[in-house]
Amino acid sequence: DGNIAVTLLLRDLTGKYVWRSTLHYPNVSSTPVPSEPAKLDYSILERPKTEKVDQQLLESLFHFLGEEENKWHAYVLQQVKERDLMEDKLLKHVNFRLNSKISIEPPQIPNIPMEIDLTPARLFLMHHTFLSPKKRSHFITIKPFGSSEFNFDVFKTLDETKERSTCTISIIYLPNKKNAEAAIWEGCKTSSVFQEFIDKIGWSVDLTTHHGFTGGMNPKVTGKTAHYYANALYEVIFHISPWIPNTSYKKKLITDDPIHITWVEKFTEFHEDMLKSSSSDVNIVIIPLPSSLYRLKIIQKEKIDIGPLMDGFVVSKKVLPILVRQTAINAFLRVTNKPKPFSTRRRIIDSLIATHNKVDAFNEFLTDQYVP
């Protein structure tokens, strides 16, 4: 579009971003002015009163000041009058500066090949005061990309490092029928209440266009959609047992997941032996009650402190998906004990700075902004 622009590639602890900064010059034109200056009203409101002066006293005063001082007095008055006439003539010549152009014009950028044009970057740094000596200690520069000492593998490693914790959680459905345990690995029809719970615990994503965490879901085997949840800290894929058609692949996914959420349709017939085929470290069992509330039973291989839900809690349908999801995420993070993505990315960034830091004096830094 002809404007000066800078594209910024930002990498920090929270991810990778691209910003585009454009230098815009608004078309500010001067306000129309009359061709002739406005006449000022110099009318005198009250004329000064005159008093008779003793001429003899006045002559004595001038005599007292001296003849030389009288000459200087006349000379100063003459210079003031001549200066006043000169300024008045000049102002009339330029029409009292009322027609001068005050619109903002963009600077003329020299025609330089873009691969070596540093003008946009220099203007960006200057407008954000990065070229001042006080700001120089607030940031570092790295070695040029084309130098033999520069290693792109560090950037590749940083870009491949997740900026959020990733979790895979299985959701098992036990229908209200005999041999309910076998339904874990078989497809079956689910209840509307279970469907409502699934809709509120996450959302469906198209695996063919989804760019986030997939958690082992393969559109050729598990179907085109997956159930997903994400916020600023986590990405979660839910392996929903009744919705995965391939039995062998389903067993692999569910067996590998350390955290299971089990929905039991008929609470009177539930017992822990029904989940003996589940090899999870933590199993959050949801049991609907006749009162339209839900009782939670948390089964653990080894006792660990998780929350916000605890074994024996009874909650309403409104808060059930939120509390179950957060409890499952917390349990996953405790069981897997993975390092935080922030600390991993910080370690890589610190290593990049230590390896590629370019130490230069302030005058050398300024020279690099003008000479490619």
Foldseek 3Di string as FASTA:
>chain_A
DPWQKDWDWDAALQAIDIDMDTDDFDWDWDDDDDLADDDDDPDDPDDDDDDDDDPVVVVVVVVVVPPVVVVVVVVVVVVVVVVVVVVVVVCVVCNVVPPDIDTDDDDDDDDDPPVWDLVSVVVVCVVVVCLDPVNVVVDFDFDDPPDPLDDCVLVVVLNPQHSAAEAEEEEAEQEPDPPSLVCLLPADDDDPLVVVLLPVLFHKDFQVPDPDDDQPDDCVQQNRIWTWDDDSHYIYTYLYRNRGHDRVVSCVSQQPHQEYEYEYAAPVPDDCVSCPVRPHQKYWYWYQDPVQKIFTAIDGPDDDDFDPDDGGDIGHSVCVSVRVSRRRVRVRCVVVVDDGSSVVSVVSVVVSCVSGTDDDDSVVVVVSSPGD
